């Protein structure tokens, strides 16, 4: 039997990986659409399989369960938020202070989670994962946009300290946003979101002058 050249094998593997990535994005697109249209309870593996034309067994080749789909959807949303925030901060004037950077971070985050239908329920779901099942995966999703802001606020931090500050800030934002967004009373929610902003600024002020 003639051996398949290494380059040909690599090309086939790359094509398979590309198709797999496309399928993952198709599943996440379907989950986002179902979440927006019918709410969190409607996002099930059975419905996602039907929405994407996949067999349920095929869907499980990409995600272990429904929870994994929802967490991946949250991670994708936070990655997109980081990209938007990066562009927004790049347009800020050089004289803009660190508090302005924090305001932009929180404004973008709140817009991302409150303006898309169904996303508040998703945030509350992933917060429950933070408390019980997979805290680092949930916090890690928030680190992408916060890292963008933190590089503007405290660019001189040594890498090891930067990572610690990033993890603490992400944990604060996740916990306080969950507390605020679970409030049904608009006034109570607004008050807690104000405290979230104040708490983030209070913590990051320690590093802004470095």
Foldseek 3Di string as FASTA:
>chain_A
DDDDDPVVVVVVVVVVVVVLVVVLVLLLVLQLVCCQPPNDVRQFLVVSCVSSVHDSVVVCVNPVGSVRSLLVNLLVLLLVLLVVLLVVVVPDDPPDALLVLLVSLLVSVCCSQPVRHRRLVSLLVVLVCLVPPDVCSSLVSNLSNVLSSVCVQAVPDDPVVSVVLSSVLSVLLSVLLSVLSVDPDPVSSVVSSVVSSVVSCVSSVVRRVD
